């Protein structure tokens, strides 16, 4: 019996990569010293953040560069933020482009989604453990839930997680304060995109997940025509997936 290969819904899926590459080229243009968006050093809480931009400047640049209406520029700007190429400095969980003086910053290319770094549980656990040390246990509610879940899931290597978290925390304290704050913001922005808070939209979902809203409440959601259409599409694509009998699988 021949086992058909399942459809590739990974980050290698070409339409997704084509979209990301176009966004990346646009982001590179935004950072051009002559024709890009004007950056400035901004005071944030108790430190200064270099190369910050405002949401209004980003919106106007997109409208002028792409020759589109403000509404379309807003939609494109939202995508750029939701994919993690630009991150908010103040309301870090709200991944939309605010058309005002709200501050944003360009993400380092190391954390761009097209790099395809796998968001492994171990890496996320190290990040949460390090933040737990730095914040003295004051994690956000969804982070506490993820921390406890990961502690159970990878308990067999939790000593390694804590050791790495402490080492990274010590290394971070040796950096200059401004550099440390910038890196903390970059790392936090990466994980907000990769592991979004409960109740928010995950822009990196792909494949069958795109046909249904995982955050929708099936009890309270109104059963509209579009709701049933999406359910039918999801069911049809699920039925099209190849299946292997357990006897064949076990028999090798």
C-alpha atoms as a PDB file:
ATOM      1  CA  UNK A   1       0.000   0.000   0.000  1.00  0.00           C
ATOM      2  CA  UNK A   2       1.297   3.454  -0.916  1.00  0.00           C
ATOM      3  CA  UNK A   3       0.950   6.153   1.707  1.00  0.00           C
ATOM      4  CA  UNK A   4       0.212   9.499   0.100  1.00  0.00           C
ATOM      5  CA  UNK A   5       2.178  12.446   1.427  1.00  0.00           C
ATOM      6  CA  UNK A   6       0.113  14.988   3.315  1.00  0.00           C
ATOM      7  CA  UNK A   7      -0.122  18.520   1.974  1.00  0.00           C
ATOM      8  CA  UNK A   8       2.670  20.786   3.187  1.00  0.00           C
ATOM      9  CA  UNK A   9       1.083  23.408   5.400  1.00  0.00           C
ATOM     10  CA  UNK A  10       4.393  24.444   6.966  1.00  0.00           C
ATOM     11  CA  UNK A  11       6.132  27.808   6.762  1.00  0.00           C
ATOM     12  CA  UNK A  12       7.710  26.551   3.546  1.00  0.00           C
ATOM     13  CA  UNK A  13       4.334  26.904   1.844  1.00  0.00           C
ATOM     14  CA  UNK A  14       5.252  29.095  -1.108  1.00  0.00           C
ATOM     15  CA  UNK A  15       2.392  31.656  -1.158  1.00  0.00           C
ATOM     16  CA  UNK A  16       3.135  32.489   2.497  1.00  0.00           C
ATOM     17  CA  UNK A  17       6.850  32.896   1.801  1.00  0.00           C
ATOM     18  CA  UNK A  18       6.154  35.081  -1.237  1.00  0.00           C
ATOM     19  CA  UNK A  19       4.048  37.367   0.945  1.00  0.00           C
ATOM     20  CA  UNK A  20       6.732  37.577   3.629  1.00  0.00           C
ATOM     21  CA  UNK A  21       9.457  38.357   1.099  1.00  0.00           C
ATOM     22  CA  UNK A  22       7.412  41.260  -0.282  1.00  0.00           C
ATOM     23  CA  UNK A  23       6.894  42.629   3.208  1.00  0.00           C
ATOM     24  CA  UNK A  24      10.604  42.278   3.935  1.00  0.00           C
ATOM     25  CA  UNK A  25      11.593  44.284   0.861  1.00  0.00           C
ATOM     26  CA  UNK A  26       9.150  46.984   1.955  1.00  0.00           C
ATOM     27  CA  UNK A  27      10.575  47.019   5.491  1.00  0.00           C
ATOM     28  CA  UNK A  28      14.108  47.382   4.096  1.00  0.00           C
ATOM     29  CA  UNK A  29      12.935  50.436   2.133  1.00  0.00           C
ATOM     30  CA  UNK A  30      11.392  51.885   5.286  1.00  0.00           C
ATOM     31  CA  UNK A  31      14.832  51.871   6.917  1.00  0.00           C
ATOM     32  CA  UNK A  32      16.599  53.620   4.041  1.00  0.00           C
ATOM     33  CA  UNK A  33      18.428  56.654   5.509  1.00  0.00           C
ATOM     34  CA  UNK A  34      17.379  58.904   2.624  1.00  0.00           C
ATOM     35  CA  UNK A  35      13.896  57.777   1.571  1.00  0.00           C
ATOM     36  CA  UNK A  36      12.770  55.786   4.574  1.00  0.00           C
ATOM     37  CA  UNK A  37      10.811  56.663   7.692  1.00  0.00           C
ATOM     38  CA  UNK A  38      12.348  59.223  10.004  1.00  0.00           C
ATOM     39  CA  UNK A  39      13.527  57.646  13.264  1.00  0.00           C
ATOM     40  CA  UNK A  40      14.175  59.320  16.584  1.00  0.00           C
ATOM     41  CA  UNK A  41      15.439  58.534  20.055  1.00  0.00           C
ATOM     42  CA  UNK A  42      12.546  58.353  22.507  1.00  0.00           C
ATOM     43  CA  UNK A  43      12.338  58.320  26.261  1.00  0.00           C
ATOM     44  CA  UNK A  44      10.539  55.204  27.469  1.00  0.00           C
ATOM     45  CA  UNK A  45       9.874  54.847  31.204  1.00  0.00           C
ATOM     46  CA  UNK A  46      13.372  55.082  32.716  1.00  0.00           C
ATOM     47  CA  UNK A  47      15.556  54.660  29.634  1.00  0.00           C
ATOM     48  CA  UNK A  48      15.902  55.868  26.055  1.00  0.00           C
ATOM     49  CA  UNK A  49      15.094  53.803  22.969  1.00  0.00           C
ATOM     50  CA  UNK A  50      16.991  54.581  19.736  1.00  0.00           C
ATOM     51  CA  UNK A  51      15.517  54.469  16.230  1.00  0.00           C
ATOM     52  CA  UNK A  52      11.845  54.671  17.223  1.00  0.00           C
ATOM     53  CA  UNK A  53       9.112  55.636  14.747  1.00  0.00           C
ATOM     54  CA  UNK A  54       5.509  56.746  15.158  1.00  0.00           C
ATOM     55  CA  UNK A  55       2.466  54.952  13.807  1.00  0.00           C
ATOM     56  CA  UNK A  56       1.390  58.086  11.946  1.00  0.00           C
ATOM     57  CA  UNK A  57       4.738  58.414  10.148  1.00  0.00           C
ATOM     58  CA  UNK A  58       4.580  54.743   9.139  1.00  0.00           C
ATOM     59  CA  UNK A  59       1.028  55.105   7.828  1.00  0.00           C
ATOM     60  CA  UNK A  60       1.876  58.190   5.776  1.00  0.00           C
ATOM     61  CA  UNK A  61       5.000  56.557   4.352  1.00  0.00           C
ATOM     62  CA  UNK A  62       3.030  53.489   3.222  1.00  0.00           C
ATOM     63  CA  UNK A  63       0.331  55.624   1.603  1.00  0.00           C
ATOM     64  CA  UNK A  64       2.901  57.712  -0.298  1.00  0.00           C
ATOM     65  CA  UNK A  65       5.198  54.834  -1.262  1.00  0.00           C
ATOM     66  CA  UNK A  66       2.446  52.506  -2.495  1.00  0.00           C
ATOM     67  CA  UNK A  67       0.129  55.233  -3.785  1.00  0.00           C
ATOM     68  CA  UNK A  68      -2.874  53.845  -1.923  1.00  0.00           C
ATOM     69  CA  UNK A  69      -5.668  55.263   0.194  1.00  0.00           C
ATOM     70  CA  UNK A  70      -5.209  55.654   3.934  1.00  0.00           C
ATOM     71  CA  UNK A  71      -7.523  52.708   4.650  1.00  0.00           C
ATOM     72  CA  UNK A  72      -5.466  50.361   2.477  1.00  0.00           C
ATOM     73  CA  UNK A  73      -2.226  51.660   3.994  1.00  0.00           C
ATOM     74  CA  UNK A  74      -3.701  50.932   7.428  1.00  0.00           C
ATOM     75  CA  UNK A  75      -4.424  47.315   6.438  1.00  0.00           C
ATOM     76  CA  UNK A  76      -0.891  46.847   5.123  1.00  0.00           C
ATOM     77  CA  UNK A  77       0.553  48.442   8.239  1.00  0.00           C
ATOM     78  CA  UNK A  78      -1.446  46.062  10.416  1.00  0.00           C
ATOM     79  CA  UNK A  79       0.035  43.102   8.525  1.00  0.00           C
ATOM     80  CA  UNK A  80       3.569  44.421   8.965  1.00  0.00           C
ATOM     81  CA  UNK A  81       2.992  44.671  12.724  1.00  0.00           C
ATOM     82  CA  UNK A  82       1.117  41.361  13.057  1.00  0.00           C
ATOM     83  CA  UNK A  83       3.871  39.463  11.244  1.00  0.00           C
ATOM     84  CA  UNK A  84       6.406  40.950  13.647  1.00  0.00           C
ATOM     85  CA  UNK A  85       8.502  43.121  11.331  1.00  0.00           C
ATOM     86  CA  UNK A  86       7.642  46.187  13.410  1.00  0.00           C
ATOM     87  CA  UNK A  87       6.637  46.006  17.056  1.00  0.00           C
ATOM     88  CA  UNK A  88       4.882  48.436  19.433  1.00  0.00           C
ATOM     89  CA  UNK A  89       6.953  49.809  22.285  1.00  0.00           C
ATOM     90  CA  UNK A  90       4.056  50.682  24.569  1.00  0.00           C
ATOM     91  CA  UNK A  91       1.028  48.418  24.123  1.00  0.00           C
ATOM     92  CA  UNK A  92       3.102  45.388  23.152  1.00  0.00           C
ATOM     93  CA  UNK A  93       0.220  42.859  23.016  1.00  0.00           C
ATOM     94  CA  UNK A  94      -1.923  44.982  20.696  1.00  0.00           C
ATOM     95  CA  UNK A  95      -0.519  44.061  17.283  1.00  0.00           C
ATOM     96  CA  UNK A  96      -2.132  46.767  15.181  1.00  0.00           C
ATOM     97  CA  UNK A  97      -0.822  49.970  13.647  1.00  0.00           C
ATOM     98  CA  UNK A  98      -2.173  52.976  15.536  1.00  0.00           C
ATOM     99  CA  UNK A  99      -2.309  56.045  13.241  1.00  0.00           C
ATOM    100  CA  UNK A 100      -1.062  58.460  15.894  1.00  0.00           C
ATOM    101  CA  UNK A 101       2.027  59.209  17.957  1.00  0.00           C
ATOM    102  CA  UNK A 102       2.283  55.656  19.328  1.00  0.00           C
ATOM    103  CA  UNK A 103       5.861  54.412  19.215  1.00  0.00           C
ATOM    104  CA  UNK A 104       7.094  51.443  17.183  1.00  0.00           C
ATOM    105  CA  UNK A 105      10.457  49.967  16.346  1.00  0.00           C
ATOM    106  CA  UNK A 106      11.866  47.799  13.561  1.00  0.00           C
ATOM    107  CA  UNK A 107      12.445  44.189  14.555  1.00  0.00           C
ATOM    108  CA  UNK A 108      15.935  42.804  14.040  1.00  0.00           C
ATOM    109  CA  UNK A 109      16.105  40.544  10.933  1.00  0.00           C
ATOM    110  CA  UNK A 110      17.168  37.646  13.178  1.00  0.00           C
ATOM    111  CA  UNK A 111      13.580  37.444  14.453  1.00  0.00           C
ATOM    112  CA  UNK A 112      11.832  37.876  11.082  1.00  0.00           C
ATOM    113  CA  UNK A 113       9.335  35.045  10.387  1.00  0.00           C
ATOM    114  CA  UNK A 114      10.916  34.199   7.027  1.00  0.00           C
ATOM    115  CA  UNK A 115      14.027  33.065   8.906  1.00  0.00           C
ATOM    116  CA  UNK A 116      11.906  30.031   9.850  1.00  0.00           C
ATOM    117  CA  UNK A 117      13.402  29.621  13.308  1.00  0.00           C
ATOM    118  CA  UNK A 118      11.200  26.980  14.938  1.00  0.00           C
ATOM    119  CA  UNK A 119       9.444  28.301  18.044  1.00  0.00           C
ATOM    120  CA  UNK A 120      10.457  25.331  20.184  1.00  0.00           C
ATOM    121  CA  UNK A 121       8.905  24.664  23.586  1.00  0.00           C
ATOM    122  CA  UNK A 122      12.357  24.611  25.177  1.00  0.00           C
ATOM    123  CA  UNK A 123      13.251  28.061  23.841  1.00  0.00           C
ATOM    124  CA  UNK A 124       9.923  29.488  24.965  1.00  0.00           C
ATOM    125  CA  UNK A 125      10.348  27.911  28.396  1.00  0.00           C
ATOM    126  CA  UNK A 126      13.817  29.472  28.735  1.00  0.00           C
ATOM    127  CA  UNK A 127      12.399  32.865  27.773  1.00  0.00           C
ATOM    128  CA  UNK A 128       9.573  32.587  30.317  1.00  0.00           C
ATOM    129  CA  UNK A 129      11.931  31.341  33.040  1.00  0.00           C
ATOM    130  CA  UNK A 130      14.313  34.229  32.376  1.00  0.00           C
ATOM    131  CA  UNK A 131      11.461  36.732  32.454  1.00  0.00           C
ATOM    132  CA  UNK A 132      10.188  35.112  35.637  1.00  0.00           C
ATOM    133  CA  UNK A 133      13.587  35.736  37.242  1.00  0.00           C
ATOM    134  CA  UNK A 134      13.782  39.317  35.989  1.00  0.00           C
ATOM    135  CA  UNK A 135      10.212  40.178  36.999  1.00  0.00           C
ATOM    136  CA  UNK A 136      10.461  38.273  40.299  1.00  0.00           C
ATOM    137  CA  UNK A 137       7.520  36.023  39.450  1.00  0.00           C
ATOM    138  CA  UNK A 138       5.314  38.781  37.994  1.00  0.00           C
ATOM    139  CA  UNK A 139       4.432  37.115  34.690  1.00  0.00           C
ATOM    140  CA  UNK A 140       1.249  37.971  32.840  1.00  0.00           C
ATOM    141  CA  UNK A 141      -1.656  35.585  33.308  1.00  0.00           C
ATOM    142  CA  UNK A 142      -1.330  33.861  29.928  1.00  0.00           C
ATOM    143  CA  UNK A 143       2.425  33.573  30.450  1.00  0.00           C
ATOM    144  CA  UNK A 144       1.888  31.954  33.850  1.00  0.00           C
ATOM    145  CA  UNK A 145      -0.431  29.415  32.226  1.00  0.00           C
ATOM    146  CA  UNK A 146       2.130  28.657  29.516  1.00  0.00           C
ATOM    147  CA  UNK A 147       4.924  28.478  32.094  1.00  0.00           C
ATOM    148  CA  UNK A 148       3.047  25.928  34.196  1.00  0.00           C
ATOM    149  CA  UNK A 149       2.040  23.926  31.114  1.00  0.00           C
ATOM    150  CA  UNK A 150       5.627  23.787  29.848  1.00  0.00           C
ATOM    151  CA  UNK A 151       6.904  22.862  33.305  1.00  0.00           C
ATOM    152  CA  UNK A 152       4.734  19.737  33.130  1.00  0.00           C
ATOM    153  CA  UNK A 153       5.394  18.975  29.460  1.00  0.00           C
ATOM    154  CA  UNK A 154       9.193  19.178  29.530  1.00  0.00           C
ATOM    155  CA  UNK A 155       9.756  18.505  33.211  1.00  0.00           C
ATOM    156  CA  UNK A 156      12.474  15.994  32.329  1.00  0.00           C
ATOM    157  CA  UNK A 157      14.784  18.822  31.200  1.00  0.00           C
ATOM    158  CA  UNK A 158      13.589  21.650  33.438  1.00  0.00           C
ATOM    159  CA  UNK A 159      16.968  21.864  35.179  1.00  0.00           C
ATOM    160  CA  UNK A 160      18.499  22.693  31.797  1.00  0.00           C
ATOM    161  CA  UNK A 161      15.801  25.326  31.170  1.00  0.00           C
ATOM    162  CA  UNK A 162      16.472  27.070  34.489  1.00  0.00           C
ATOM    163  CA  UNK A 163      20.249  26.887  34.008  1.00  0.00           C
ATOM    164  CA  UNK A 164      20.007  28.493  30.557  1.00  0.00           C
ATOM    165  CA  UNK A 165      17.595  31.146  31.833  1.00  0.00           C
ATOM    166  CA  UNK A 166      19.959  32.134  34.655  1.00  0.00           C
ATOM    167  CA  UNK A 167      22.938  32.237  32.286  1.00  0.00           C
ATOM    168  CA  UNK A 168      21.091  34.445  29.779  1.00  0.00           C
ATOM    169  CA  UNK A 169      19.905  36.699  32.596  1.00  0.00           C
ATOM    170  CA  UNK A 170      23.474  37.164  33.853  1.00  0.00           C
ATOM    171  CA  UNK A 171      24.744  37.841  30.329  1.00  0.00           C
ATOM    172  CA  UNK A 172      21.994  40.415  29.806  1.00  0.00           C
ATOM    173  CA  UNK A 173      22.947  42.331  32.938  1.00  0.00           C
ATOM    174  CA  UNK A 174      26.442  42.821  31.520  1.00  0.00           C
ATOM    175  CA  UNK A 175      25.081  44.759  28.530  1.00  0.00           C
ATOM    176  CA  UNK A 176      24.565  48.496  28.540  1.00  0.00           C
ATOM    177  CA  UNK A 177      21.136  49.418  29.848  1.00  0.00           C
ATOM    178  CA  UNK A 178      19.857  50.761  26.513  1.00  0.00           C
ATOM    179  CA  UNK A 179      21.083  47.658  24.658  1.00  0.00           C
ATOM    180  CA  UNK A 180      19.515  45.389  27.270  1.00  0.00           C
ATOM    181  CA  UNK A 181      16.136  47.140  27.022  1.00  0.00           C
ATOM    182  CA  UNK A 182      16.187  46.981  23.211  1.00  0.00           C
ATOM    183  CA  UNK A 183      16.978  43.255  23.192  1.00  0.00           C
ATOM    184  CA  UNK A 184      14.291  42.550  25.796  1.00  0.00           C
ATOM    185  CA  UNK A 185      11.762  44.384  23.604  1.00  0.00           C
ATOM    186  CA  UNK A 186      12.863  42.454  20.510  1.00  0.00           C
ATOM    187  CA  UNK A 187      12.640  39.106  22.263  1.00  0.00           C
ATOM    188  CA  UNK A 188       9.266  39.920  23.821  1.00  0.00           C
ATOM    189  CA  UNK A 189       7.918  41.049  20.432  1.00  0.00           C
ATOM    190  CA  UNK A 190       9.064  37.781  18.822  1.00  0.00           C
ATOM    191  CA  UNK A 191       7.248  35.632  21.364  1.00  0.00           C
ATOM    192  CA  UNK A 192       4.084  37.757  21.289  1.00  0.00           C
ATOM    193  CA  UNK A 193       3.893  36.948  17.566  1.00  0.00           C
ATOM    194  CA  UNK A 194       4.868  33.277  17.923  1.00  0.00           C
ATOM    195  CA  UNK A 195       2.881  32.569  21.122  1.00  0.00           C
ATOM    196  CA  UNK A 196       0.133  35.205  21.151  1.00  0.00           C
ATOM    197  CA  UNK A 197      -1.946  35.873  24.269  1.00  0.00           C
ATOM    198  CA  UNK A 198      -5.248  34.058  24.646  1.00  0.00           C
ATOM    199  CA  UNK A 199      -8.064  35.721  22.729  1.00  0.00           C
ATOM    200  CA  UNK A 200      -5.870  37.375  20.103  1.00  0.00           C
ATOM    201  CA  UNK A 201      -5.435  36.496  16.433  1.00  0.00           C
ATOM    202  CA  UNK A 202      -2.348  34.550  15.399  1.00  0.00           C
ATOM    203  CA  UNK A 203      -1.185  35.953  12.059  1.00  0.00           C
ATOM    204  CA  UNK A 204       1.165  33.000  11.524  1.00  0.00           C
ATOM    205  CA  UNK A 205      -1.609  30.405  11.424  1.00  0.00           C
ATOM    206  CA  UNK A 206      -1.727  28.528   8.144  1.00  0.00           C
ATOM    207  CA  UNK A 207      -3.440  25.656   6.367  1.00  0.00           C
ATOM    208  CA  UNK A 208      -6.736  24.410   7.755  1.00  0.00           C
ATOM    209  CA  UNK A 209      -6.464  26.674  10.781  1.00  0.00           C
ATOM    210  CA  UNK A 210      -7.203  29.668   8.583  1.00  0.00           C
ATOM    211  CA  UNK A 211     -10.764  28.539   7.884  1.00  0.00           C
ATOM    212  CA  UNK A 212     -11.938  28.752  11.474  1.00  0.00           C
ATOM    213  CA  UNK A 213     -11.310  31.224  14.254  1.00  0.00           C
ATOM    214  CA  UNK A 214      -9.714  29.286  17.130  1.00  0.00           C
ATOM    215  CA  UNK A 215     -10.631  32.097  19.514  1.00  0.00           C
ATOM    216  CA  UNK A 216     -14.325  32.130  18.608  1.00  0.00           C
ATOM    217  CA  UNK A 217     -16.770  31.006  21.265  1.00  0.00           C
ATOM    218  CA  UNK A 218     -19.031  28.384  19.615  1.00  0.00           C
ATOM    219  CA  UNK A 219     -21.663  28.911  22.304  1.00  0.00           C
ATOM    220  CA  UNK A 220     -22.132  32.638  21.817  1.00  0.00           C
ATOM    221  CA  UNK A 221     -21.168  32.980  18.140  1.00  0.00           C
ATOM    222  CA  UNK A 222     -24.131  33.670  15.898  1.00  0.00           C
ATOM    223  CA  UNK A 223     -24.632  30.884  13.348  1.00  0.00           C
ATOM    224  CA  UNK A 224     -24.547  32.897  10.135  1.00  0.00           C
ATOM    225  CA  UNK A 225     -24.272  31.733   6.527  1.00  0.00           C
ATOM    226  CA  UNK A 226     -20.541  32.506   6.588  1.00  0.00           C
ATOM    227  CA  UNK A 227     -20.098  30.467   9.788  1.00  0.00           C
ATOM    228  CA  UNK A 228     -21.573  27.330   8.170  1.00  0.00           C
ATOM    229  CA  UNK A 229     -19.623  27.954   4.953  1.00  0.00           C
ATOM    230  CA  UNK A 230     -16.351  27.964   6.881  1.00  0.00           C
ATOM    231  CA  UNK A 231     -17.350  24.836   8.792  1.00  0.00           C
ATOM    232  CA  UNK A 232     -18.156  23.020   5.523  1.00  0.00           C
ATOM    233  CA  UNK A 233     -14.823  24.038   3.959  1.00  0.00           C
ATOM    234  CA  UNK A 234     -12.946  22.907   7.058  1.00  0.00           C
ATOM    235  CA  UNK A 235     -14.741  19.539   7.083  1.00  0.00           C
ATOM    236  CA  UNK A 236     -14.224  18.980   3.349  1.00  0.00           C
ATOM    237  CA  UNK A 237     -10.485  19.618   3.576  1.00  0.00           C
ATOM    238  CA  UNK A 238     -10.226  17.367   6.621  1.00  0.00           C
ATOM    239  CA  UNK A 239     -11.876  14.537   4.656  1.00  0.00           C
ATOM    240  CA  UNK A 240      -9.422  15.044   1.779  1.00  0.00           C
ATOM    241  CA  UNK A 241      -6.410  14.332   4.008  1.00  0.00           C
ATOM    242  CA  UNK A 242      -4.815  10.943   3.464  1.00  0.00           C
ATOM    243  CA  UNK A 243      -5.484   8.292   6.076  1.00  0.00           C
ATOM    244  CA  UNK A 244      -3.492   5.173   6.935  1.00  0.00           C
ATOM    245  CA  UNK A 245      -5.044   2.096   8.528  1.00  0.00           C
ATOM    246  CA  UNK A 246      -3.579   1.294  11.920  1.00  0.00           C
ATOM    247  CA  UNK A 247      -2.772  -2.276  10.808  1.00  0.00           C
ATOM    248  CA  UNK A 248      -0.737  -0.954   7.881  1.00  0.00           C
ATOM    249  CA  UNK A 249       1.030   1.592  10.052  1.00  0.00           C
ATOM    250  CA  UNK A 250       1.944  -0.939  12.733  1.00  0.00           C
ATOM    251  CA  UNK A 251       2.998  -3.546  10.202  1.00  0.00           C
ATOM    252  CA  UNK A 252       5.520  -1.161   8.613  1.00  0.00           C
END
